[in-house]
């Protein structure tokens, strides 16, 4: 069996990891301690509603 060469030593950078001016945008100084509804999103395919 031959080595597939994965992971590649110099992979391309995913577009969602590229620096974005809004990546550190905050509308409040701190987050609330609790919430009635929390939605965690992980892209377009996964969303968890707690």
C-alpha atoms as a PDB file:
ATOM      1  CA  UNK A   1       0.000   0.000   0.000  1.00  0.00           C
ATOM      2  CA  UNK A   2       1.415   3.402  -0.942  1.00  0.00           C
ATOM      3  CA  UNK A   3       1.339   6.513   1.213  1.00  0.00           C
ATOM      4  CA  UNK A   4      -1.520   8.781   0.011  1.00  0.00           C
ATOM      5  CA  UNK A   5       0.453  11.885   1.060  1.00  0.00           C
ATOM      6  CA  UNK A   6      -2.233  13.179   3.405  1.00  0.00           C
ATOM      7  CA  UNK A   7      -2.398  15.595   5.034  1.00  0.00           C
ATOM      8  CA  UNK A   8      -0.713  17.799   2.482  1.00  0.00           C
ATOM      9  CA  UNK A   9       2.229  19.757   3.995  1.00  0.00           C
ATOM     10  CA  UNK A  10       1.016  23.097   2.530  1.00  0.00           C
ATOM     11  CA  UNK A  11      -2.777  22.910   2.130  1.00  0.00           C
ATOM     12  CA  UNK A  12      -4.813  25.752   0.677  1.00  0.00           C
ATOM     13  CA  UNK A  13      -6.597  27.952   3.189  1.00  0.00           C
ATOM     14  CA  UNK A  14     -10.379  27.623   3.384  1.00  0.00           C
ATOM     15  CA  UNK A  15     -12.251  30.819   2.534  1.00  0.00           C
ATOM     16  CA  UNK A  16     -14.003  30.847   5.923  1.00  0.00           C
ATOM     17  CA  UNK A  17     -10.607  31.021   7.676  1.00  0.00           C
ATOM     18  CA  UNK A  18      -9.452  34.097   5.751  1.00  0.00           C
ATOM     19  CA  UNK A  19      -9.394  37.240   7.909  1.00  0.00           C
ATOM     20  CA  UNK A  20     -12.625  39.181   7.691  1.00  0.00           C
ATOM     21  CA  UNK A  21     -13.188  42.708   9.055  1.00  0.00           C
ATOM     22  CA  UNK A  22     -16.352  41.462  10.806  1.00  0.00           C
ATOM     23  CA  UNK A  23     -14.770  38.416  12.474  1.00  0.00           C
ATOM     24  CA  UNK A  24     -14.279  40.282  15.778  1.00  0.00           C
ATOM     25  CA  UNK A  25     -17.349  42.532  15.504  1.00  0.00           C
ATOM     26  CA  UNK A  26     -19.294  42.842  18.751  1.00  0.00           C
ATOM     27  CA  UNK A  27     -22.544  44.704  19.277  1.00  0.00           C
ATOM     28  CA  UNK A  28     -22.214  44.517  23.068  1.00  0.00           C
ATOM     29  CA  UNK A  29     -19.289  44.753  25.474  1.00  0.00           C
ATOM     30  CA  UNK A  30     -20.115  41.393  27.098  1.00  0.00           C
ATOM     31  CA  UNK A  31     -22.437  38.482  26.415  1.00  0.00           C
ATOM     32  CA  UNK A  32     -25.480  37.874  28.633  1.00  0.00           C
ATOM     33  CA  UNK A  33     -25.170  35.277  31.388  1.00  0.00           C
ATOM     34  CA  UNK A  34     -28.271  33.382  30.248  1.00  0.00           C
ATOM     35  CA  UNK A  35     -30.738  33.279  27.361  1.00  0.00           C
ATOM     36  CA  UNK A  36     -34.121  31.693  26.625  1.00  0.00           C
ATOM     37  CA  UNK A  37     -33.073  30.653  23.105  1.00  0.00           C
ATOM     38  CA  UNK A  38     -29.535  29.974  21.884  1.00  0.00           C
ATOM     39  CA  UNK A  39     -28.760  29.124  18.256  1.00  0.00           C
ATOM     40  CA  UNK A  40     -25.320  27.764  17.436  1.00  0.00           C
ATOM     41  CA  UNK A  41     -24.477  27.669  13.755  1.00  0.00           C
ATOM     42  CA  UNK A  42     -21.664  25.761  12.115  1.00  0.00           C
ATOM     43  CA  UNK A  43     -21.925  26.710   8.480  1.00  0.00           C
ATOM     44  CA  UNK A  44     -24.753  25.929   6.122  1.00  0.00           C
ATOM     45  CA  UNK A  45     -25.266  22.278   6.969  1.00  0.00           C
ATOM     46  CA  UNK A  46     -25.427  22.139  10.758  1.00  0.00           C
ATOM     47  CA  UNK A  47     -27.455  24.207  13.198  1.00  0.00           C
ATOM     48  CA  UNK A  48     -28.167  23.265  16.813  1.00  0.00           C
ATOM     49  CA  UNK A  49     -31.017  24.945  18.680  1.00  0.00           C
ATOM     50  CA  UNK A  50     -30.771  24.682  22.470  1.00  0.00           C
END
